[in-house]
C-alpha cells in the first residue's frame, strides 16, 4: 500500500529519516521531469539538477506545512527556486530561502 507524500513528510519530520528514500522514490519522476526542462541553462547538467532536486526535497520536508498546500505543489516551488539558483536564472521563486 502506497503512503501519501504528506504522510511520509510527517513521519520524516517526526524523526523517521528512513522514509526519505521512500519519499524520494515517489517524487523522483517529477524532479527528473522538471530537471530535464532546466538542463543546459547556465551550463548545468541533468545530473547536477537531479542532485539539486534531492536537496530541494530535503529542504521542502524541513519547512513543509500541510495546512497550506499539498507536498507536491510545495516541492514544485522549491524545485524552481533550487534550479534557478543552480542555473543562474533569476525568478521570483528563487527567493524562497533555505
PDB file of N, CA and C in Angstrom:
ATOM      1  N   UNK A   1       0.837  -1.187   0.000  1.00  0.00           N
ATOM      2  CA  UNK A   1       0.000   0.000   0.000  1.00  0.00           C
ATOM      3  C   UNK A   1       0.881   1.249   0.000  1.00  0.00           C
ATOM      4  N   UNK A   2       0.583   2.145  -0.883  1.00  0.00           N
ATOM      5  CA  UNK A   2       1.371   3.372  -1.032  1.00  0.00           C
ATOM      6  C   UNK A   2       0.945   4.394   0.011  1.00  0.00           C
ATOM      7  N   UNK A   3       1.939   4.967   0.667  1.00  0.00           N
ATOM      8  CA  UNK A   3       1.707   6.009   1.656  1.00  0.00           C
ATOM      9  C   UNK A   3       1.800   7.353   0.932  1.00  0.00           C
ATOM     10  N   UNK A   4       0.940   8.304   1.282  1.00  0.00           N
ATOM     11  CA  UNK A   4       0.952   9.597   0.600  1.00  0.00           C
ATOM     12  C   UNK A   4       2.221  10.374   0.938  1.00  0.00           C
ATOM     13  N   UNK A   5       2.549  11.308   0.058  1.00  0.00           N
ATOM     14  CA  UNK A   5       3.714  12.162   0.296  1.00  0.00           C
ATOM     15  C   UNK A   5       3.573  12.912   1.608  1.00  0.00           C
ATOM     16  N   UNK A   6       2.378  13.405   1.872  1.00  0.00           N
ATOM     17  CA  UNK A   6       2.140  14.173   3.089  1.00  0.00           C
ATOM     18  C   UNK A   6       2.364  13.323   4.338  1.00  0.00           C
ATOM     19  N   UNK A   7       1.928  12.076   4.292  1.00  0.00           N
ATOM     20  CA  UNK A   7       2.141  11.169   5.432  1.00  0.00           C
ATOM     21  C   UNK A   7       3.633  10.881   5.620  1.00  0.00           C
ATOM     22  N   UNK A   8       4.336  10.688   4.519  1.00  0.00           N
ATOM     23  CA  UNK A   8       5.772  10.441   4.601  1.00  0.00           C
ATOM     24  C   UNK A   8       6.507  11.646   5.181  1.00  0.00           C
ATOM     25  N   UNK A   9       6.124  12.833   4.760  1.00  0.00           N
ATOM     26  CA  UNK A   9       6.760  14.045   5.284  1.00  0.00           C
ATOM     27  C   UNK A   9       6.526  14.147   6.786  1.00  0.00           C
ATOM     28  N   UNK A  10       5.313  13.851   7.213  1.00  0.00           N
ATOM     29  CA  UNK A  10       5.003  13.888   8.649  1.00  0.00           C
ATOM     30  C   UNK A  10       5.882  12.909   9.416  1.00  0.00           C
ATOM     31  N   UNK A  11       6.072  11.713   8.870  1.00  0.00           N
ATOM     32  CA  UNK A  11       6.927  10.713   9.521  1.00  0.00           C
ATOM     33  C   UNK A  11       8.384  11.176   9.559  1.00  0.00           C
ATOM     34  N   UNK A  12       8.853  11.762   8.468  1.00  0.00           N
ATOM     35  CA  UNK A  12      10.238  12.252   8.414  1.00  0.00           C
ATOM     36  C   UNK A  12      10.429  13.383   9.409  1.00  0.00           C
ATOM     37  N   UNK A  13       9.470  14.300   9.456  1.00  0.00           N
ATOM     38  CA  UNK A  13       9.567  15.420  10.398  1.00  0.00           C
ATOM     39  C   UNK A  13       9.543  14.936  11.843  1.00  0.00           C
ATOM     40  N   UNK A  14       8.918  13.776  12.076  1.00  0.00           N
ATOM     41  CA  UNK A  14       8.865  13.195  13.420  1.00  0.00           C
ATOM     42  C   UNK A  14      10.133  12.412  13.764  1.00  0.00           C
ATOM     43  N   UNK A  15      11.071  12.313  12.798  1.00  0.00           N
ATOM     44  CA  UNK A  15      12.346  11.680  13.090  1.00  0.00           C
ATOM     45  C   UNK A  15      12.628  10.389  12.355  1.00  0.00           C
ATOM     46  N   UNK A  16      11.715   9.909  11.524  1.00  0.00           N
ATOM     47  CA  UNK A  16      11.919   8.655  10.792  1.00  0.00           C
ATOM     48  C   UNK A  16      12.640   8.941   9.470  1.00  0.00           C
ATOM     49  N   UNK A  17      13.951   9.147   9.547  1.00  0.00           N
ATOM     50  CA  UNK A  17      14.729   9.537   8.360  1.00  0.00           C
ATOM     51  C   UNK A  17      14.800   8.433   7.302  1.00  0.00           C
ATOM     52  N   UNK A  18      14.491   7.204   7.653  1.00  0.00           N
ATOM     53  CA  UNK A  18      14.482   6.123   6.661  1.00  0.00           C
ATOM     54  C   UNK A  18      13.426   6.359   5.584  1.00  0.00           C
ATOM     55  N   UNK A  19      12.424   7.124   5.901  1.00  0.00           N
ATOM     56  CA  UNK A  19      11.334   7.389   4.953  1.00  0.00           C
ATOM     57  C   UNK A  19      11.743   8.378   3.867  1.00  0.00           C
ATOM     58  N   UNK A  20      12.906   9.026   4.016  1.00  0.00           N
ATOM     59  CA  UNK A  20      13.372   9.953   2.990  1.00  0.00           C
ATOM     60  C   UNK A  20      13.563   9.239   1.658  1.00  0.00           C
ATOM     61  N   UNK A  21      14.060   8.026   1.706  1.00  0.00           N
ATOM     62  CA  UNK A  21      14.283   7.250   0.478  1.00  0.00           C
ATOM     63  C   UNK A  21      12.942   6.913  -0.173  1.00  0.00           C
ATOM     64  N   UNK A  22      11.966   6.553   0.631  1.00  0.00           N
ATOM     65  CA  UNK A  22      10.637   6.232   0.103  1.00  0.00           C
ATOM     66  C   UNK A  22      10.030   7.468  -0.553  1.00  0.00           C
ATOM     67  N   UNK A  23      10.125   8.601   0.131  1.00  0.00           N
ATOM     68  CA  UNK A  23       9.599   9.851  -0.434  1.00  0.00           C
ATOM     69  C   UNK A  23      10.327  10.201  -1.732  1.00  0.00           C
ATOM     70  N   UNK A  24      11.647  10.076  -1.740  1.00  0.00           N
ATOM     71  CA  UNK A  24      12.419  10.369  -2.944  1.00  0.00           C
ATOM     72  C   UNK A  24      11.955   9.505  -4.109  1.00  0.00           C
ATOM     73  N   UNK A  25      11.729   8.230  -3.853  1.00  0.00           N
ATOM     74  CA  UNK A  25      11.268   7.337  -4.920  1.00  0.00           C
ATOM     75  C   UNK A  25       9.900   7.746  -5.454  1.00  0.00           C
ATOM     76  N   UNK A  26       9.079   8.352  -4.610  1.00  0.00           N
ATOM     77  CA  UNK A  26       7.746   8.785  -5.040  1.00  0.00           C
ATOM     78  C   UNK A  26       7.781  10.109  -5.800  1.00  0.00           C
ATOM     79  N   UNK A  27       8.730  10.972  -5.524  1.00  0.00           N
ATOM     80  CA  UNK A  27       8.766  12.288  -6.186  1.00  0.00           C
ATOM     81  C   UNK A  27       9.848  12.377  -7.258  1.00  0.00           C
ATOM     82  N   UNK A  28      10.649  11.359  -7.378  1.00  0.00           N
ATOM     83  CA  UNK A  28      11.791  11.381  -8.302  1.00  0.00           C
ATOM     84  C   UNK A  28      11.391  11.679  -9.744  1.00  0.00           C
ATOM     85  N   UNK A  29      10.297  11.117 -10.193  1.00  0.00           N
ATOM     86  CA  UNK A  29       9.872  11.328 -11.576  1.00  0.00           C
ATOM     87  C   UNK A  29       9.550  12.805 -11.829  1.00  0.00           C
ATOM     88  N   UNK A  30       8.846  13.437 -10.888  1.00  0.00           N
ATOM     89  CA  UNK A  30       8.533  14.853 -11.030  1.00  0.00           C
ATOM     90  C   UNK A  30       9.820  15.682 -11.037  1.00  0.00           C
ATOM     91  N   UNK A  31      10.743  15.354 -10.154  1.00  0.00           N
ATOM     92  CA  UNK A  31      12.018  16.067 -10.084  1.00  0.00           C
ATOM     93  C   UNK A  31      12.760  15.910 -11.414  1.00  0.00           C
ATOM     94  N   UNK A  32      12.807  14.698 -11.933  1.00  0.00           N
ATOM     95  CA  UNK A  32      13.503  14.441 -13.195  1.00  0.00           C
ATOM     96  C   UNK A  32      12.868  15.238 -14.340  1.00  0.00           C
ATOM     97  N   UNK A  33      11.542  15.247 -14.407  1.00  0.00           N
ATOM     98  CA  UNK A  33      10.862  15.978 -15.474  1.00  0.00           C
ATOM     99  C   UNK A  33      11.183  17.468 -15.415  1.00  0.00           C
ATOM    100  N   UNK A  34      11.175  18.024 -14.226  1.00  0.00           N
ATOM    101  CA  UNK A  34      11.491  19.442 -14.084  1.00  0.00           C
ATOM    102  C   UNK A  34      12.974  19.696 -14.377  1.00  0.00           C
ATOM    103  N   UNK A  35      13.839  18.809 -13.914  1.00  0.00           N
ATOM    104  CA  UNK A  35      15.278  18.957 -14.162  1.00  0.00           C
ATOM    105  C   UNK A  35      15.568  18.921 -15.664  1.00  0.00           C
ATOM    106  N   UNK A  36      14.866  18.069 -16.390  1.00  0.00           N
ATOM    107  CA  UNK A  36      15.072  17.959 -17.835  1.00  0.00           C
ATOM    108  C   UNK A  36      14.734  19.272 -18.535  1.00  0.00           C
ATOM    109  N   UNK A  37      13.766  19.997 -18.015  1.00  0.00           N
ATOM    110  CA  UNK A  37      13.395  21.285 -18.605  1.00  0.00           C
ATOM    111  C   UNK A  37      14.464  22.352 -18.372  1.00  0.00           C
ATOM    112  N   UNK A  38      15.166  22.248 -17.250  1.00  0.00           N
ATOM    113  CA  UNK A  38      16.160  23.256 -16.883  1.00  0.00           C
ATOM    114  C   UNK A  38      17.571  22.893 -17.359  1.00  0.00           C
ATOM    115  N   UNK A  39      17.803  21.649 -17.739  1.00  0.00           N
ATOM    116  CA  UNK A  39      19.143  21.200 -18.125  1.00  0.00           C
ATOM    117  C   UNK A  39      19.675  22.033 -19.285  1.00  0.00           C
ATOM    118  N   UNK A  40      20.933  22.409 -19.181  1.00  0.00           N
ATOM    119  CA  UNK A  40      21.571  23.199 -20.219  1.00  0.00           C
ATOM    120  C   UNK A  40      21.656  24.670 -19.883  1.00  0.00           C
ATOM    121  N   UNK A  41      20.722  25.180 -19.097  1.00  0.00           N
ATOM    122  CA  UNK A  41      20.793  26.588 -18.688  1.00  0.00           C
ATOM    123  C   UNK A  41      22.001  26.767 -17.787  1.00  0.00           C
ATOM    124  N   UNK A  42      22.783  27.776 -18.061  1.00  0.00           N
ATOM    125  CA  UNK A  42      23.945  28.076 -17.232  1.00  0.00           C
ATOM    126  C   UNK A  42      24.984  26.968 -17.216  1.00  0.00           C
ATOM    127  N   UNK A  43      24.952  26.089 -18.221  1.00  0.00           N
ATOM    128  CA  UNK A  43      25.929  25.010 -18.303  1.00  0.00           C
ATOM    129  C   UNK A  43      25.687  23.861 -17.344  1.00  0.00           C
ATOM    130  N   UNK A  44      24.497  23.787 -16.754  1.00  0.00           N
ATOM    131  CA  UNK A  44      24.212  22.708 -15.803  1.00  0.00           C
ATOM    132  C   UNK A  44      23.811  21.432 -16.534  1.00  0.00           C
ATOM    133  N   UNK A  45      24.155  20.320 -15.921  1.00  0.00           N
ATOM    134  CA  UNK A  45      23.797  19.032 -16.488  1.00  0.00           C
ATOM    135  C   UNK A  45      22.541  18.508 -15.806  1.00  0.00           C
ATOM    136  N   UNK A  46      21.930  17.546 -16.430  1.00  0.00           N
ATOM    137  CA  UNK A  46      20.750  16.910 -15.852  1.00  0.00           C
ATOM    138  C   UNK A  46      21.090  16.273 -14.506  1.00  0.00           C
ATOM    139  N   UNK A  47      22.252  15.647 -14.422  1.00  0.00           N
ATOM    140  CA  UNK A  47      22.681  15.015 -13.176  1.00  0.00           C
ATOM    141  C   UNK A  47      22.834  16.043 -12.049  1.00  0.00           C
ATOM    142  N   UNK A  48      23.421  17.192 -12.368  1.00  0.00           N
ATOM    143  CA  UNK A  48      23.558  18.263 -11.368  1.00  0.00           C
ATOM    144  C   UNK A  48      22.191  18.709 -10.863  1.00  0.00           C
ATOM    145  N   UNK A  49      21.248  18.842 -11.781  1.00  0.00           N
ATOM    146  CA  UNK A  49      19.920  19.302 -11.399  1.00  0.00           C
ATOM    147  C   UNK A  49      19.152  18.242 -10.611  1.00  0.00           C
ATOM    148  N   UNK A  50      19.380  16.975 -10.922  1.00  0.00           N
ATOM    149  CA  UNK A  50      18.756  15.915 -10.118  1.00  0.00           C
ATOM    150  C   UNK A  50      19.271  15.970  -8.683  1.00  0.00           C
ATOM    151  N   UNK A  51      20.548  16.214  -8.520  1.00  0.00           N
ATOM    152  CA  UNK A  51      21.106  16.351  -7.174  1.00  0.00           C
ATOM    153  C   UNK A  51      20.531  17.581  -6.479  1.00  0.00           C
ATOM    154  N   UNK A  52      20.403  18.668  -7.213  1.00  0.00           N
ATOM    155  CA  UNK A  52      19.790  19.875  -6.655  1.00  0.00           C
ATOM    156  C   UNK A  52      18.329  19.594  -6.285  1.00  0.00           C
ATOM    157  N   UNK A  53      17.677  18.752  -7.068  1.00  0.00           N
ATOM    158  CA  UNK A  53      16.292  18.361  -6.775  1.00  0.00           C
ATOM    159  C   UNK A  53      16.181  17.572  -5.489  1.00  0.00           C
ATOM    160  N   UNK A  54      17.150  16.711  -5.236  1.00  0.00           N
ATOM    161  CA  UNK A  54      17.145  15.946  -3.984  1.00  0.00           C
ATOM    162  C   UNK A  54      17.320  16.902  -2.805  1.00  0.00           C
ATOM    163  N   UNK A  55      18.218  17.850  -2.947  1.00  0.00           N
ATOM    164  CA  UNK A  55      18.424  18.849  -1.893  1.00  0.00           C
ATOM    165  C   UNK A  55      17.156  19.669  -1.693  1.00  0.00           C
ATOM    166  N   UNK A  56      16.502  20.029  -2.785  1.00  0.00           N
ATOM    167  CA  UNK A  56      15.247  20.780  -2.686  1.00  0.00           C
ATOM    168  C   UNK A  56      14.197  19.981  -1.940  1.00  0.00           C
ATOM    169  N   UNK A  57      14.150  18.671  -2.190  1.00  0.00           N
ATOM    170  CA  UNK A  57      13.188  17.825  -1.476  1.00  0.00           C
ATOM    171  C   UNK A  57      13.474  17.826   0.018  1.00  0.00           C
ATOM    172  N   UNK A  58      14.746  17.686   0.391  1.00  0.00           N
ATOM    173  CA  UNK A  58      15.104  17.689   1.812  1.00  0.00           C
ATOM    174  C   UNK A  58      14.735  19.019   2.468  1.00  0.00           C
ATOM    175  N   UNK A  59      15.003  20.115   1.784  1.00  0.00           N
ATOM    176  CA  UNK A  59      14.651  21.428   2.320  1.00  0.00           C
ATOM    177  C   UNK A  59      13.144  21.601   2.415  1.00  0.00           C
ATOM    178  N   UNK A  60      12.437  21.082   1.416  1.00  0.00           N
ATOM    179  CA  UNK A  60      10.975  21.170   1.431  1.00  0.00           C
ATOM    180  C   UNK A  60      10.397  20.401   2.608  1.00  0.00           C
ATOM    181  N   UNK A  61      10.964  19.239   2.905  1.00  0.00           N
ATOM    182  CA  UNK A  61      10.498  18.443   4.046  1.00  0.00           C
ATOM    183  C   UNK A  61      10.677  19.230   5.339  1.00  0.00           C
ATOM    184  N   UNK A  62      11.796  19.919   5.464  1.00  0.00           N
ATOM    185  CA  UNK A  62      12.079  20.679   6.688  1.00  0.00           C
ATOM    186  C   UNK A  62      11.082  21.802   6.928  1.00  0.00           C
ATOM    187  N   UNK A  63      10.592  22.428   5.869  1.00  0.00           N
ATOM    188  CA  UNK A  63       9.762  23.618   6.032  1.00  0.00           C
ATOM    189  C   UNK A  63       8.300  23.421   5.631  1.00  0.00           C
ATOM    190  N   UNK A  64       7.926  22.214   5.250  1.00  0.00           N
ATOM    191  CA  UNK A  64       6.568  21.957   4.757  1.00  0.00           C
ATOM    192  C   UNK A  64       5.528  22.084   5.864  1.00  0.00           C
ATOM    193  N   UNK A  65       4.432  22.766   5.523  1.00  0.00           N
ATOM    194  CA  UNK A  65       3.281  22.905   6.414  1.00  0.00           C
ATOM    195  C   UNK A  65       2.067  22.325   5.677  1.00  0.00           C
ATOM    196  N   UNK A  66       1.549  21.176   6.130  1.00  0.00           N
ATOM    197  CA  UNK A  66       0.468  20.511   5.398  1.00  0.00           C
ATOM    198  C   UNK A  66      -0.845  21.294   5.359  1.00  0.00           C
ATOM    199  N   UNK A  67      -0.981  22.322   6.170  1.00  0.00           N
ATOM    200  CA  UNK A  67      -2.221  23.096   6.162  1.00  0.00           C
ATOM    201  C   UNK A  67      -2.258  24.102   5.010  1.00  0.00           C
ATOM    202  N   UNK A  68      -1.128  24.302   4.340  1.00  0.00           N
ATOM    203  CA  UNK A  68      -1.061  25.333   3.301  1.00  0.00           C
ATOM    204  C   UNK A  68      -1.151  24.807   1.872  1.00  0.00           C
ATOM    205  N   UNK A  69      -0.631  23.608   1.618  1.00  0.00           N
ATOM    206  CA  UNK A  69      -0.627  23.077   0.250  1.00  0.00           C
ATOM    207  C   UNK A  69      -0.297  21.589   0.283  1.00  0.00           C
ATOM    208  N   UNK A  70      -0.521  20.930  -0.865  1.00  0.00           N
ATOM    209  CA  UNK A  70      -0.068  19.554  -0.998  1.00  0.00           C
ATOM    210  C   UNK A  70       1.458  19.577  -1.096  1.00  0.00           C
ATOM    211  N   UNK A  71       2.092  18.481  -0.702  1.00  0.00           N
ATOM    212  CA  UNK A  71       3.551  18.457  -0.723  1.00  0.00           C
ATOM    213  C   UNK A  71       4.094  18.608  -2.145  1.00  0.00           C
ATOM    214  N   UNK A  72       3.466  17.996  -3.118  1.00  0.00           N
ATOM    215  CA  UNK A  72       3.984  18.088  -4.488  1.00  0.00           C
ATOM    216  C   UNK A  72       3.964  19.531  -4.989  1.00  0.00           C
ATOM    217  N   UNK A  73       2.945  20.289  -4.626  1.00  0.00           N
ATOM    218  CA  UNK A  73       2.874  21.700  -5.004  1.00  0.00           C
ATOM    219  C   UNK A  73       3.993  22.482  -4.335  1.00  0.00           C
ATOM    220  N   UNK A  74       4.194  22.225  -3.061  1.00  0.00           N
ATOM    221  CA  UNK A  74       5.242  22.910  -2.318  1.00  0.00           C
ATOM    222  C   UNK A  74       6.619  22.531  -2.868  1.00  0.00           C
ATOM    223  N   UNK A  75       6.812  21.254  -3.153  1.00  0.00           N
ATOM    224  CA  UNK A  75       8.083  20.798  -3.709  1.00  0.00           C
ATOM    225  C   UNK A  75       8.341  21.440  -5.064  1.00  0.00           C
ATOM    226  N   UNK A  76       7.321  21.568  -5.887  1.00  0.00           N
ATOM    227  CA  UNK A  76       7.487  22.189  -7.197  1.00  0.00           C
ATOM    228  C   UNK A  76       8.044  23.600  -7.042  1.00  0.00           C
ATOM    229  N   UNK A  77       7.524  24.358  -6.085  1.00  0.00           N
ATOM    230  CA  UNK A  77       8.023  25.712  -5.845  1.00  0.00           C
ATOM    231  C   UNK A  77       9.488  25.677  -5.394  1.00  0.00           C
ATOM    232  N   UNK A  78       9.808  24.736  -4.523  1.00  0.00           N
ATOM    233  CA  UNK A  78      11.195  24.609  -4.053  1.00  0.00           C
ATOM    234  C   UNK A  78      12.128  24.208  -5.188  1.00  0.00           C
ATOM    235  N   UNK A  79      11.661  23.334  -6.076  1.00  0.00           N
ATOM    236  CA  UNK A  79      12.471  22.929  -7.229  1.00  0.00           C
ATOM    237  C   UNK A  79      12.781  24.127  -8.121  1.00  0.00           C
ATOM    238  N   UNK A  80      11.783  24.925  -8.395  1.00  0.00           N
ATOM    239  CA  UNK A  80      12.019  26.115  -9.224  1.00  0.00           C
ATOM    240  C   UNK A  80      13.064  27.015  -8.595  1.00  0.00           C
ATOM    241  N   UNK A  81      12.981  27.207  -7.295  1.00  0.00           N
ATOM    242  CA  UNK A  81      13.950  28.057  -6.604  1.00  0.00           C
ATOM    243  C   UNK A  81      15.351  27.449  -6.667  1.00  0.00           C
ATOM    244  N   UNK A  82      15.451  26.152  -6.417  1.00  0.00           N
ATOM    245  CA  UNK A  82      16.750  25.475  -6.418  1.00  0.00           C
ATOM    246  C   UNK A  82      17.352  25.465  -7.825  1.00  0.00           C
ATOM    247  N   UNK A  83      16.537  25.184  -8.837  1.00  0.00           N
ATOM    248  CA  UNK A  83      17.025  25.141 -10.210  1.00  0.00           C
ATOM    249  C   UNK A  83      17.400  26.538 -10.697  1.00  0.00           C
ATOM    250  N   UNK A  84      16.660  27.545 -10.272  1.00  0.00           N
ATOM    251  CA  UNK A  84      17.002  28.924 -10.628  1.00  0.00           C
ATOM    252  C   UNK A  84      18.380  29.274 -10.098  1.00  0.00           C
ATOM    253  N   UNK A  85      18.616  28.915  -8.853  1.00  0.00           N
ATOM    254  CA  UNK A  85      19.916  29.196  -8.245  1.00  0.00           C
ATOM    255  C   UNK A  85      21.025  28.399  -8.936  1.00  0.00           C
ATOM    256  N   UNK A  86      20.767  27.137  -9.228  1.00  0.00           N
ATOM    257  CA  UNK A  86      21.788  26.275  -9.833  1.00  0.00           C
ATOM    258  C   UNK A  86      22.163  26.717 -11.240  1.00  0.00           C
ATOM    259  N   UNK A  87      21.205  27.276 -11.972  1.00  0.00           N
ATOM    260  CA  UNK A  87      21.461  27.659 -13.355  1.00  0.00           C
ATOM    261  C   UNK A  87      21.798  29.128 -13.523  1.00  0.00           C
ATOM    262  N   UNK A  88      21.693  29.882 -12.446  1.00  0.00           N
ATOM    263  CA  UNK A  88      21.972  31.309 -12.537  1.00  0.00           C
ATOM    264  C   UNK A  88      20.820  32.116 -13.084  1.00  0.00           C
ATOM    265  N   UNK A  89      19.681  31.490 -13.240  1.00  0.00           N
ATOM    266  CA  UNK A  89      18.484  32.191 -13.704  1.00  0.00           C
ATOM    267  C   UNK A  89      17.866  32.899 -12.505  1.00  0.00           C
ATOM    268  N   UNK A  90      17.215  34.003 -12.727  1.00  0.00           N
ATOM    269  CA  UNK A  90      16.628  34.758 -11.615  1.00  0.00           C
ATOM    270  C   UNK A  90      15.120  34.861 -11.801  1.00  0.00           C
ATOM    271  N   UNK A  91      14.400  34.311 -10.840  1.00  0.00           N
ATOM    272  CA  UNK A  91      12.940  34.428 -10.858  1.00  0.00           C
ATOM    273  C   UNK A  91      12.480  34.794  -9.466  1.00  0.00           C
ATOM    274  N   UNK A  92      11.238  35.178  -9.350  1.00  0.00           N
ATOM    275  CA  UNK A  92      10.668  35.464  -8.029  1.00  0.00           C
ATOM    276  C   UNK A  92      10.720  34.222  -7.156  1.00  0.00           C
ATOM    277  N   UNK A  93      10.550  33.039  -7.750  1.00  0.00           N
ATOM    278  CA  UNK A  93      10.555  31.796  -6.991  1.00  0.00           C
ATOM    279  C   UNK A  93      11.911  31.514  -6.343  1.00  0.00           C
ATOM    280  N   UNK A  94      12.961  32.089  -6.874  1.00  0.00           N
ATOM    281  CA  UNK A  94      14.301  31.833  -6.352  1.00  0.00           C
ATOM    282  C   UNK A  94      14.513  32.480  -4.991  1.00  0.00           C
ATOM    283  N   UNK A  95      13.593  33.291  -4.565  1.00  0.00           N
ATOM    284  CA  UNK A  95      13.738  33.998  -3.297  1.00  0.00           C
ATOM    285  C   UNK A  95      13.111  33.275  -2.116  1.00  0.00           C
ATOM    286  N   UNK A  96      12.816  32.016  -2.230  1.00  0.00           N
ATOM    287  CA  UNK A  96      12.143  31.277  -1.164  1.00  0.00           C
ATOM    288  C   UNK A  96      12.986  31.118   0.086  1.00  0.00           C
ATOM    289  N   UNK A  97      14.288  31.104  -0.037  1.00  0.00           N
ATOM    290  CA  UNK A  97      15.150  30.929   1.141  1.00  0.00           C
ATOM    291  C   UNK A  97      15.401  29.475   1.449  1.00  0.00           C
ATOM    292  N   UNK A  98      16.177  29.210   2.518  1.00  0.00           N
ATOM    293  CA  UNK A  98      16.576  27.831   2.816  1.00  0.00           C
ATOM    294  C   UNK A  98      15.479  26.916   3.228  1.00  0.00           C
TER     295      UNK A  98
END
